Amino acid sequence: MRTGRGMTASDETDEGALLRRVCGGDRLAFQTLYRAYFSRLARFLDRMTRNVPLVEEIINDTMLVVWQKANTFDGSCKLSTWIFAIAYRQALKALRGLDVPLEPQEDQPGEAGAEPEHALAARQLQRGVSRALDRLPMEQRLVVSLTYYHGMAYQEIAETMGCPVNTVKTRMFHARQKLKDMLSDHMEEMQ
């Protein structure tokens, strides 16, 4: 059985087994869990902070909390939701203590093997989408990121961000409207 993010039910069970081993102090299980979440958390936190060194620090802080508080996970939500909620709170704490402006991350090159004009168009579109996302207020940007890049349902996002589901829906509605306007402007500029 597949879940929304492409994980199977057995993957989630395996993560649960890993967490139970972490509760028992199994460092190898913790390393496995850390590796399983590092890239997912990095993508999420990059959209939130736009600061690579800070992202790595937040991931380490998040996983330290997971290590220390593994026995408090009660199974009332998915393990991924619990870990993302910890990361979200750690990021908010880190951002409050930050006194330097956030810099957007460099764009990534196009896909290898693509035709040059298609690769250029894809990079331009990617930059346009990235710029548009970066211009959204943080709460809206995170709702879009958690939905489209991490495959979370609105209920999971609400649990992660500690807000009602209707707030998530409202943020998504406004984010889509703003993105539509910004991207239509971007498409006109490209023509």
N, C-alpha and C. Protein backbone atom coordinates (compact mmCIF):
# COMPACT_ATOMS: atom_id res chain seq x y z
N MET A 1 0.84 -1.18 0.00
CA MET A 1 0.00 0.00 0.00
C MET A 1 0.88 1.24 0.00
N ARG A 2 0.64 2.18 -0.88
CA ARG A 2 1.43 3.40 -1.00
C ARG A 2 0.75 4.54 -0.27
N THR A 3 1.59 5.41 0.33
CA THR A 3 1.07 6.62 0.95
C THR A 3 1.28 7.77 -0.01
N GLY A 4 0.87 8.98 0.38
CA GLY A 4 0.95 10.14 -0.49
C GLY A 4 2.36 10.51 -0.92
N ARG A 5 3.40 10.16 -0.16
CA ARG A 5 4.75 10.57 -0.50
C ARG A 5 5.51 9.47 -1.21
N GLY A 6 4.82 8.40 -1.61
CA GLY A 6 5.52 7.33 -2.30
C GLY A 6 6.11 6.31 -1.34
N MET A 7 5.87 6.46 -0.05
CA MET A 7 6.36 5.48 0.92
C MET A 7 5.32 4.37 1.01
N THR A 8 5.78 3.19 1.29
CA THR A 8 4.87 2.09 1.49
C THR A 8 4.51 2.00 2.97
N ALA A 9 3.44 1.29 3.27
CA ALA A 9 3.04 1.09 4.66
C ALA A 9 4.17 0.40 5.43
N SER A 10 4.90 -0.51 4.76
CA SER A 10 6.00 -1.19 5.45
C SER A 10 7.14 -0.22 5.74
N ASP A 11 7.34 0.80 4.89
CA ASP A 11 8.36 1.82 5.17
C ASP A 11 8.03 2.54 6.47
N GLU A 12 6.75 2.89 6.63
CA GLU A 12 6.33 3.57 7.85
C GLU A 12 6.48 2.65 9.06
N THR A 13 6.18 1.37 8.88
CA THR A 13 6.36 0.40 9.96
C THR A 13 7.83 0.29 10.30
N ASP A 14 8.69 0.25 9.27
CA ASP A 14 10.14 0.18 9.50
C ASP A 14 10.62 1.40 10.28
N GLU A 15 10.10 2.58 9.94
CA GLU A 15 10.47 3.78 10.68
C GLU A 15 10.02 3.67 12.13
N GLY A 16 8.84 3.12 12.33
CA GLY A 16 8.35 2.92 13.70
C GLY A 16 9.26 1.97 14.47
N ALA A 17 9.71 0.92 13.80
CA ALA A 17 10.64 -0.03 14.43
C ALA A 17 11.96 0.67 14.74
N LEU A 18 12.43 1.50 13.82
CA LEU A 18 13.66 2.25 14.07
C LEU A 18 13.50 3.14 15.30
N LEU A 19 12.37 3.84 15.39
CA LEU A 19 12.16 4.73 16.51
C LEU A 19 12.11 3.95 17.83
N ARG A 20 11.49 2.79 17.82
CA ARG A 20 11.47 1.96 19.04
C ARG A 20 12.89 1.58 19.43
N ARG A 21 13.73 1.27 18.44
CA ARG A 21 15.13 0.94 18.74
C ARG A 21 15.87 2.17 19.25
N VAL A 22 15.55 3.34 18.70
CA VAL A 22 16.15 4.59 19.17
C VAL A 22 15.78 4.81 20.64
N CYS A 23 14.54 4.52 21.00
CA CYS A 23 14.11 4.64 22.40
C CYS A 23 14.99 3.80 23.32
N GLY A 24 15.46 2.69 22.81
CA GLY A 24 16.34 1.81 23.58
C GLY A 24 17.80 2.22 23.52
N GLY A 25 18.11 3.33 22.88
CA GLY A 25 19.48 3.83 22.82
C GLY A 25 20.31 3.27 21.68
N ASP A 26 19.67 2.68 20.67
CA ASP A 26 20.36 2.09 19.53
C ASP A 26 20.86 3.19 18.59
N ARG A 27 22.16 3.45 18.62
CA ARG A 27 22.76 4.52 17.82
C ARG A 27 22.71 4.21 16.32
N LEU A 28 22.84 2.95 15.94
CA LEU A 28 22.76 2.57 14.54
C LEU A 28 21.37 2.86 13.97
N ALA A 29 20.34 2.56 14.75
CA ALA A 29 18.97 2.86 14.32
C ALA A 29 18.79 4.37 14.18
N PHE A 30 19.38 5.13 15.11
CA PHE A 30 19.28 6.58 15.02
C PHE A 30 19.98 7.10 13.77
N GLN A 31 21.16 6.57 13.45
CA GLN A 31 21.87 6.98 12.23
C GLN A 31 21.04 6.68 10.99
N THR A 32 20.38 5.55 10.98
CA THR A 32 19.53 5.17 9.84
C THR A 32 18.36 6.14 9.71
N LEU A 33 17.73 6.47 10.82
CA LEU A 33 16.61 7.42 10.82
C LEU A 33 17.10 8.81 10.38
N TYR A 34 18.25 9.21 10.87
CA TYR A 34 18.84 10.50 10.51
C TYR A 34 19.06 10.58 9.00
N ARG A 35 19.68 9.55 8.44
CA ARG A 35 19.93 9.54 6.98
C ARG A 35 18.62 9.53 6.19
N ALA A 36 17.61 8.84 6.71
CA ALA A 36 16.33 8.77 6.01
C ALA A 36 15.63 10.13 5.96
N TYR A 37 15.85 10.97 6.95
CA TYR A 37 15.16 12.25 7.02
C TYR A 37 16.00 13.45 6.60
N PHE A 38 17.30 13.29 6.50
CA PHE A 38 18.16 14.44 6.25
C PHE A 38 17.74 15.22 5.00
N SER A 39 17.65 14.56 3.85
CA SER A 39 17.36 15.29 2.61
C SER A 39 15.94 15.87 2.61
N ARG A 40 14.98 15.14 3.18
CA ARG A 40 13.61 15.66 3.24
C ARG A 40 13.54 16.91 4.11
N LEU A 41 14.19 16.86 5.26
CA LEU A 41 14.20 18.02 6.15
C LEU A 41 14.98 19.18 5.52
N ALA A 42 16.06 18.86 4.82
CA ALA A 42 16.87 19.91 4.19
C ALA A 42 16.04 20.68 3.15
N ARG A 43 15.28 19.97 2.33
CA ARG A 43 14.43 20.64 1.33
C ARG A 43 13.39 21.53 2.01
N PHE A 44 12.75 21.00 3.03
CA PHE A 44 11.73 21.74 3.76
C PHE A 44 12.34 22.98 4.42
N LEU A 45 13.44 22.81 5.13
CA LEU A 45 14.04 23.92 5.87
C LEU A 45 14.70 24.95 4.96
N ASP A 46 15.17 24.51 3.79
CA ASP A 46 15.74 25.46 2.85
C ASP A 46 14.68 26.47 2.40
N ARG A 47 13.47 25.98 2.16
CA ARG A 47 12.39 26.88 1.76
C ARG A 47 12.03 27.84 2.90
N MET A 48 12.25 27.41 4.11
CA MET A 48 11.89 28.23 5.27
C MET A 48 12.98 29.24 5.60
N THR A 49 14.25 28.83 5.53
CA THR A 49 15.33 29.68 6.00
C THR A 49 16.19 30.29 4.90
N ARG A 50 16.32 29.58 3.77
CA ARG A 50 17.19 30.00 2.66
C ARG A 50 18.63 30.24 3.14
N ASN A 51 19.11 29.36 4.02
CA ASN A 51 20.43 29.51 4.60
C ASN A 51 20.99 28.11 4.87
N VAL A 52 21.88 27.62 3.99
CA VAL A 52 22.36 26.24 4.06
C VAL A 52 23.02 25.91 5.41
N PRO A 53 23.95 26.72 5.92
CA PRO A 53 24.54 26.37 7.22
C PRO A 53 23.50 26.30 8.33
N LEU A 54 22.52 27.18 8.29
CA LEU A 54 21.46 27.18 9.30
C LEU A 54 20.59 25.93 9.15
N VAL A 55 20.33 25.51 7.92
CA VAL A 55 19.54 24.30 7.67
C VAL A 55 20.21 23.10 8.33
N GLU A 56 21.50 22.96 8.13
CA GLU A 56 22.22 21.84 8.73
C GLU A 56 22.18 21.88 10.25
N GLU A 57 22.31 23.07 10.80
CA GLU A 57 22.24 23.23 12.26
C GLU A 57 20.84 22.85 12.78
N ILE A 58 19.81 23.29 12.08
CA ILE A 58 18.44 22.98 12.50
C ILE A 58 18.17 21.48 12.39
N ILE A 59 18.66 20.85 11.34
CA ILE A 59 18.48 19.40 11.21
C ILE A 59 19.15 18.68 12.38
N ASN A 60 20.36 19.10 12.72
CA ASN A 60 21.05 18.48 13.85
C ASN A 60 20.30 18.70 15.15
N ASP A 61 19.80 19.92 15.36
CA ASP A 61 19.00 20.21 16.56
C ASP A 61 17.73 19.38 16.58
N THR A 62 17.08 19.26 15.42
CA THR A 62 15.85 18.48 15.31
C THR A 62 16.10 17.02 15.66
N MET A 63 17.13 16.46 15.07
CA MET A 63 17.40 15.05 15.30
C MET A 63 17.90 14.79 16.72
N LEU A 64 18.52 15.78 17.34
CA LEU A 64 18.89 15.65 18.75
C LEU A 64 17.63 15.54 19.61
N VAL A 65 16.62 16.35 19.28
CA VAL A 65 15.34 16.26 20.00
C VAL A 65 14.71 14.89 19.76
N VAL A 66 14.76 14.41 18.52
CA VAL A 66 14.22 13.08 18.22
C VAL A 66 14.93 12.03 19.08
N TRP A 67 16.24 12.11 19.16
CA TRP A 67 17.03 11.16 19.97
C TRP A 67 16.61 11.25 21.44
N GLN A 68 16.51 12.47 21.95
CA GLN A 68 16.23 12.67 23.37
C GLN A 68 14.77 12.38 23.73
N LYS A 69 13.86 12.62 22.80
CA LYS A 69 12.43 12.53 23.10
C LYS A 69 11.72 11.40 22.36
N ALA A 70 12.47 10.46 21.81
CA ALA A 70 11.87 9.37 21.03
C ALA A 70 10.78 8.65 21.81
N ASN A 71 10.98 8.53 23.11
CA ASN A 71 9.99 7.80 23.92
C ASN A 71 8.70 8.59 24.13
N THR A 72 8.66 9.86 23.73
CA THR A 72 7.44 10.65 23.88
C THR A 72 6.52 10.56 22.66
N PHE A 73 7.02 9.98 21.56
CA PHE A 73 6.18 9.83 20.37
C PHE A 73 5.06 8.86 20.70
N ASP A 74 3.82 9.34 20.58
CA ASP A 74 2.67 8.53 21.01
C ASP A 74 1.90 7.87 19.87
N GLY A 75 2.33 8.09 18.64
CA GLY A 75 1.67 7.45 17.51
C GLY A 75 0.36 8.10 17.11
N SER A 76 0.03 9.26 17.66
CA SER A 76 -1.23 9.93 17.31
C SER A 76 -1.17 10.59 15.93
N CYS A 77 0.03 10.65 15.35
CA CYS A 77 0.22 11.15 13.99
C CYS A 77 1.32 10.31 13.36
N LYS A 78 1.59 10.57 12.09
CA LYS A 78 2.69 9.85 11.43
C LYS A 78 4.01 10.30 12.05
N LEU A 79 4.97 9.41 12.03
CA LEU A 79 6.29 9.75 12.54
C LEU A 79 6.87 10.93 11.78
N SER A 80 6.67 10.96 10.46
CA SER A 80 7.20 12.07 9.66
C SER A 80 6.58 13.40 10.08
N THR A 81 5.30 13.40 10.41
CA THR A 81 4.64 14.63 10.86
C THR A 81 5.26 15.10 12.16
N TRP A 82 5.52 14.17 13.07
CA TRP A 82 6.13 14.50 14.36
C TRP A 82 7.52 15.10 14.15
N ILE A 83 8.32 14.48 13.28
CA ILE A 83 9.67 14.98 13.04
C ILE A 83 9.64 16.33 12.34
N PHE A 84 8.77 16.50 11.35
CA PHE A 84 8.66 17.79 10.66
C PHE A 84 8.17 18.88 11.60
N ALA A 85 7.30 18.55 12.54
CA ALA A 85 6.83 19.53 13.51
C ALA A 85 7.98 19.98 14.41
N ILE A 86 8.82 19.05 14.81
CA ILE A 86 9.99 19.41 15.61
C ILE A 86 10.89 20.32 14.79
N ALA A 87 11.13 19.98 13.53
CA ALA A 87 11.98 20.79 12.66
C ALA A 87 11.40 22.19 12.48
N TYR A 88 10.10 22.27 12.31
CA TYR A 88 9.43 23.57 12.15
C TYR A 88 9.66 24.44 13.38
N ARG A 89 9.46 23.87 14.56
CA ARG A 89 9.65 24.64 15.80
C ARG A 89 11.12 25.03 15.99
N GLN A 90 12.03 24.12 15.66
CA GLN A 90 13.46 24.44 15.77
C GLN A 90 13.83 25.56 14.80
N ALA A 91 13.27 25.53 13.61
CA ALA A 91 13.56 26.57 12.62
C ALA A 91 13.03 27.93 13.06
N LEU A 92 11.82 27.95 13.61
CA LEU A 92 11.28 29.21 14.10
C LEU A 92 12.17 29.78 15.20
N LYS A 93 12.63 28.91 16.09
CA LYS A 93 13.53 29.35 17.17
C LYS A 93 14.83 29.89 16.59
N ALA A 94 15.40 29.20 15.62
CA ALA A 94 16.66 29.64 15.00
C ALA A 94 16.48 30.96 14.26
N LEU A 95 15.36 31.11 13.56
CA LEU A 95 15.11 32.35 12.81
C LEU A 95 14.92 33.54 13.75
N ARG A 96 14.31 33.31 14.90
CA ARG A 96 14.14 34.41 15.87
C ARG A 96 15.50 34.90 16.36
N GLY A 97 16.47 34.00 16.48
CA GLY A 97 17.79 34.38 16.96
C GLY A 97 18.73 34.89 15.88
N LEU A 98 18.28 34.87 14.65
CA LEU A 98 19.11 35.28 13.51
C LEU A 98 19.05 36.79 13.36
N ASP A 99 20.21 37.42 13.20
CA ASP A 99 20.21 38.87 13.04
C ASP A 99 20.80 39.32 11.71
N VAL A 100 20.95 38.36 10.78
CA VAL A 100 21.45 38.72 9.45
C VAL A 100 20.36 38.45 8.43
N PRO A 101 20.33 39.21 7.33
CA PRO A 101 19.31 38.96 6.31
C PRO A 101 19.52 37.60 5.66
N LEU A 102 18.42 36.98 5.28
CA LEU A 102 18.48 35.67 4.63
C LEU A 102 18.77 35.86 3.15
N GLU A 103 19.67 35.05 2.62
CA GLU A 103 20.05 35.12 1.21
C GLU A 103 19.42 33.95 0.47
N PRO A 104 18.83 34.18 -0.71
CA PRO A 104 18.31 33.06 -1.48
C PRO A 104 19.45 32.16 -1.94
N GLN A 105 19.16 30.87 -2.05
CA GLN A 105 20.15 29.88 -2.48
C GLN A 105 20.34 29.97 -3.99
N GLU A 106 21.55 29.63 -4.44
CA GLU A 106 21.85 29.62 -5.87
C GLU A 106 20.96 28.62 -6.60
N ASP A 107 20.61 28.94 -7.83
CA ASP A 107 19.80 28.02 -8.64
C ASP A 107 20.63 26.81 -9.04
N GLN A 108 19.97 25.69 -9.23
CA GLN A 108 20.63 24.46 -9.63
C GLN A 108 20.62 24.37 -11.15
N PRO A 109 21.64 23.71 -11.73
CA PRO A 109 21.66 23.57 -13.20
C PRO A 109 20.54 22.69 -13.70
N GLY A 110 20.24 22.79 -15.00
CA GLY A 110 19.19 21.98 -15.61
C GLY A 110 19.58 20.52 -15.66
N GLU A 111 18.67 19.69 -16.10
CA GLU A 111 18.91 18.25 -16.16
C GLU A 111 19.92 17.93 -17.25
N ALA A 112 20.79 16.97 -16.93
CA ALA A 112 21.80 16.54 -17.90
C ALA A 112 21.12 15.83 -19.06
N GLY A 113 21.61 16.05 -20.26
CA GLY A 113 21.08 15.36 -21.42
C GLY A 113 19.90 16.06 -22.08
N ALA A 114 19.44 17.15 -21.52
CA ALA A 114 18.30 17.86 -22.11
C ALA A 114 18.81 18.74 -23.25
N GLU A 115 17.94 18.99 -24.22
CA GLU A 115 18.28 19.90 -25.30
C GLU A 115 18.59 21.27 -24.70
N PRO A 116 19.59 21.99 -25.24
CA PRO A 116 19.98 23.27 -24.64
C PRO A 116 18.83 24.26 -24.47
N GLU A 117 17.98 24.40 -25.50
CA GLU A 117 16.88 25.36 -25.38
C GLU A 117 15.84 24.91 -24.36
N HIS A 118 15.62 23.58 -24.27
CA HIS A 118 14.68 23.07 -23.27
C HIS A 118 15.26 23.21 -21.87
N ALA A 119 16.57 22.96 -21.76
CA ALA A 119 17.24 23.09 -20.46
C ALA A 119 17.19 24.54 -20.00
N LEU A 120 17.42 25.47 -20.92
CA LEU A 120 17.37 26.89 -20.58
C LEU A 120 15.96 27.29 -20.14
N ALA A 121 14.96 26.86 -20.89
CA ALA A 121 13.58 27.17 -20.53
C ALA A 121 13.21 26.57 -19.18
N ALA A 122 13.67 25.35 -18.94
CA ALA A 122 13.39 24.70 -17.65
C ALA A 122 14.07 25.45 -16.51
N ARG A 123 15.32 25.88 -16.71
CA ARG A 123 16.02 26.65 -15.67
C ARG A 123 15.33 27.98 -15.43
N GLN A 124 14.89 28.64 -16.51
CA GLN A 124 14.21 29.92 -16.35
C GLN A 124 12.89 29.75 -15.59
N LEU A 125 12.16 28.70 -15.93
CA LEU A 125 10.90 28.44 -15.22
C LEU A 125 11.19 28.10 -13.76
N GLN A 126 12.20 27.27 -13.52
CA GLN A 126 12.56 26.90 -12.15
C GLN A 126 12.93 28.15 -11.35
N ARG A 127 13.73 29.03 -11.95
CA ARG A 127 14.09 30.28 -11.26
C ARG A 127 12.86 31.13 -10.99
N GLY A 128 11.96 31.19 -11.96
CA GLY A 128 10.74 31.97 -11.78
C GLY A 128 9.87 31.43 -10.65
N VAL A 129 9.70 30.12 -10.63
CA VAL A 129 8.92 29.49 -9.56
C VAL A 129 9.60 29.70 -8.22
N SER A 130 10.92 29.50 -8.19
CA SER A 130 11.68 29.67 -6.95
C SER A 130 11.57 31.11 -6.43
N ARG A 131 11.73 32.08 -7.34
CA ARG A 131 11.59 33.49 -6.93
C ARG A 131 10.19 33.79 -6.43
N ALA A 132 9.19 33.25 -7.12
CA ALA A 132 7.81 33.48 -6.71
C ALA A 132 7.56 32.86 -5.33
N LEU A 133 8.03 31.65 -5.12
CA LEU A 133 7.87 31.02 -3.80
C LEU A 133 8.58 31.83 -2.72
N ASP A 134 9.78 32.31 -3.03
CA ASP A 134 10.54 33.09 -2.04
C ASP A 134 9.85 34.40 -1.68
N ARG A 135 9.02 34.91 -2.58
CA ARG A 135 8.32 36.18 -2.31
C ARG A 135 7.05 35.99 -1.49
N LEU A 136 6.62 34.74 -1.33
CA LEU A 136 5.44 34.49 -0.49
C LEU A 136 5.78 34.68 0.98
N PRO A 137 4.79 35.07 1.78
CA PRO A 137 5.03 35.09 3.23
C PRO A 137 5.41 33.68 3.69
N MET A 138 6.23 33.58 4.74
CA MET A 138 6.78 32.29 5.16
C MET A 138 5.70 31.24 5.37
N GLU A 139 4.60 31.57 6.03
CA GLU A 139 3.57 30.57 6.31
C GLU A 139 2.98 30.00 5.03
N GLN A 140 2.75 30.87 4.03
CA GLN A 140 2.22 30.41 2.75
C GLN A 140 3.26 29.57 2.00
N ARG A 141 4.51 30.02 2.04
CA ARG A 141 5.59 29.29 1.37
C ARG A 141 5.73 27.88 1.95
N LEU A 142 5.61 27.76 3.26
CA LEU A 142 5.75 26.46 3.90
C LEU A 142 4.59 25.54 3.57
N VAL A 143 3.39 26.08 3.50
CA VAL A 143 2.23 25.25 3.14
C VAL A 143 2.40 24.70 1.73
N VAL A 144 2.85 25.53 0.81
CA VAL A 144 3.08 25.07 -0.57
C VAL A 144 4.19 24.02 -0.58
N SER A 145 5.28 24.28 0.11
CA SER A 145 6.40 23.36 0.14
C SER A 145 6.01 22.01 0.74
N LEU A 146 5.30 22.02 1.86
CA LEU A 146 4.91 20.77 2.50
C LEU A 146 3.91 19.99 1.64
N THR A 147 3.06 20.70 0.92
CA THR A 147 2.08 20.04 0.07
C THR A 147 2.72 19.45 -1.17
N TYR A 148 3.43 20.27 -1.93
CA TYR A 148 3.91 19.86 -3.24
C TYR A 148 5.27 19.18 -3.23
N TYR A 149 6.14 19.54 -2.31
CA TYR A 149 7.47 18.95 -2.29
C TYR A 149 7.60 17.79 -1.30
N HIS A 150 6.69 17.73 -0.33
CA HIS A 150 6.78 16.68 0.69
C HIS A 150 5.54 15.81 0.75
N GLY A 151 4.56 16.09 -0.09
CA GLY A 151 3.38 15.24 -0.21
C GLY A 151 2.52 15.16 1.03
N MET A 152 2.54 16.17 1.87
CA MET A 152 1.74 16.13 3.09
C MET A 152 0.31 16.58 2.81
N ALA A 153 -0.61 15.96 3.51
CA ALA A 153 -2.02 16.37 3.46
C ALA A 153 -2.21 17.58 4.38
N TYR A 154 -3.30 18.29 4.17
CA TYR A 154 -3.57 19.48 4.99
C TYR A 154 -3.58 19.17 6.48
N GLN A 155 -4.13 18.03 6.87
CA GLN A 155 -4.18 17.67 8.28
C GLN A 155 -2.77 17.52 8.85
N GLU A 156 -1.88 16.88 8.09
CA GLU A 156 -0.50 16.72 8.52
C GLU A 156 0.20 18.07 8.63
N ILE A 157 -0.07 18.96 7.68
CA ILE A 157 0.54 20.29 7.71
C ILE A 157 0.04 21.05 8.94
N ALA A 158 -1.24 20.94 9.22
CA ALA A 158 -1.81 21.61 10.40
C ALA A 158 -1.13 21.10 11.67
N GLU A 159 -0.92 19.80 11.76
CA GLU A 159 -0.24 19.23 12.93
C GLU A 159 1.21 19.70 12.99
N THR A 160 1.87 19.75 11.85
CA THR A 160 3.27 20.19 11.80
C THR A 160 3.41 21.64 12.23
N MET A 161 2.52 22.50 11.71
CA MET A 161 2.62 23.94 11.97
C MET A 161 1.85 24.37 13.21
N GLY A 162 1.11 23.47 13.81
CA GLY A 162 0.38 23.80 15.03
C GLY A 162 -0.74 24.81 14.80
N CYS A 163 -1.50 24.61 13.73
CA CYS A 163 -2.61 25.51 13.43
C CYS A 163 -3.79 24.69 12.93
N PRO A 164 -4.99 25.28 12.86
CA PRO A 164 -6.15 24.55 12.36
C PRO A 164 -6.03 24.24 10.86
N VAL A 165 -6.71 23.20 10.43
CA VAL A 165 -6.71 22.81 9.01
C VAL A 165 -7.24 23.94 8.15
N ASN A 166 -8.26 24.64 8.61
CA ASN A 166 -8.82 25.75 7.82
C ASN A 166 -7.79 26.86 7.61
N THR A 167 -6.89 27.05 8.55
CA THR A 167 -5.82 28.03 8.38
C THR A 167 -4.89 27.59 7.26
N VAL A 168 -4.57 26.30 7.22
CA VAL A 168 -3.73 25.75 6.16
C VAL A 168 -4.41 25.97 4.81
N LYS A 169 -5.71 25.67 4.73
CA LYS A 169 -6.45 25.85 3.48
C LYS A 169 -6.45 27.31 3.04
N THR A 170 -6.63 28.21 3.99
CA THR A 170 -6.63 29.64 3.67
C THR A 170 -5.26 30.09 3.16
N ARG A 171 -4.22 29.63 3.84
CA ARG A 171 -2.86 29.98 3.41
C ARG A 171 -2.58 29.46 2.01
N MET A 172 -3.04 28.25 1.72
CA MET A 172 -2.83 27.66 0.39
C MET A 172 -3.61 28.45 -0.66
N PHE A 173 -4.84 28.82 -0.35
CA PHE A 173 -5.65 29.59 -1.29
C PHE A 173 -4.93 30.89 -1.66
N HIS A 174 -4.49 31.63 -0.63
CA HIS A 174 -3.81 32.90 -0.89
C HIS A 174 -2.47 32.69 -1.60
N ALA A 175 -1.75 31.64 -1.25
CA ALA A 175 -0.47 31.34 -1.91
C ALA A 175 -0.69 31.06 -3.39
N ARG A 176 -1.69 30.26 -3.71
CA ARG A 176 -1.96 29.94 -5.11
C ARG A 176 -2.33 31.20 -5.90
N GLN A 177 -3.13 32.06 -5.30
CA GLN A 177 -3.51 33.30 -6.00
C GLN A 177 -2.28 34.15 -6.28
N LYS A 178 -1.41 34.30 -5.27
CA LYS A 178 -0.21 35.11 -5.44
C LYS A 178 0.74 34.48 -6.46
N LEU A 179 0.90 33.16 -6.37
CA LEU A 179 1.78 32.47 -7.32
C LEU A 179 1.26 32.61 -8.75
N LYS A 180 -0.04 32.48 -8.90
CA LYS A 180 -0.65 32.62 -10.23
C LYS A 180 -0.33 33.99 -10.81
N ASP A 181 -0.49 35.04 -10.02
CA ASP A 181 -0.20 36.40 -10.49
C ASP A 181 1.29 36.57 -10.79
N MET A 182 2.14 36.13 -9.88
CA MET A 182 3.59 36.30 -10.07
C MET A 182 4.10 35.49 -11.26
N LEU A 183 3.60 34.26 -11.41
CA LEU A 183 4.07 33.42 -12.51
C LEU A 183 3.53 33.89 -13.86
N SER A 184 2.34 34.46 -13.87
CA SER A 184 1.85 34.99 -15.15
C SER A 184 2.71 36.18 -15.56
N ASP A 185 3.14 37.00 -14.60
CA ASP A 185 4.06 38.10 -14.90
C ASP A 185 5.38 37.55 -15.42
N HIS A 186 5.87 36.47 -14.79
CA HIS A 186 7.14 35.85 -15.21
C HIS A 186 7.03 35.31 -16.63
N MET A 187 5.92 34.67 -16.95
CA MET A 187 5.74 34.10 -18.29
C MET A 187 5.70 35.21 -19.33
N GLU A 188 5.10 36.35 -19.00
CA GLU A 188 5.05 37.47 -19.93
C GLU A 188 6.45 38.01 -20.18
N GLU A 189 7.28 38.05 -19.10
CA GLU A 189 8.66 38.54 -19.23
C GLU A 189 9.48 37.62 -20.14
N MET A 190 9.21 36.32 -20.11
CA MET A 190 9.98 35.36 -20.91
C MET A 190 9.64 35.45 -22.39
N GLN A 191 8.48 35.99 -22.73
CA GLN A 191 8.07 36.04 -24.14
C GLN A 191 8.60 37.23 -24.85
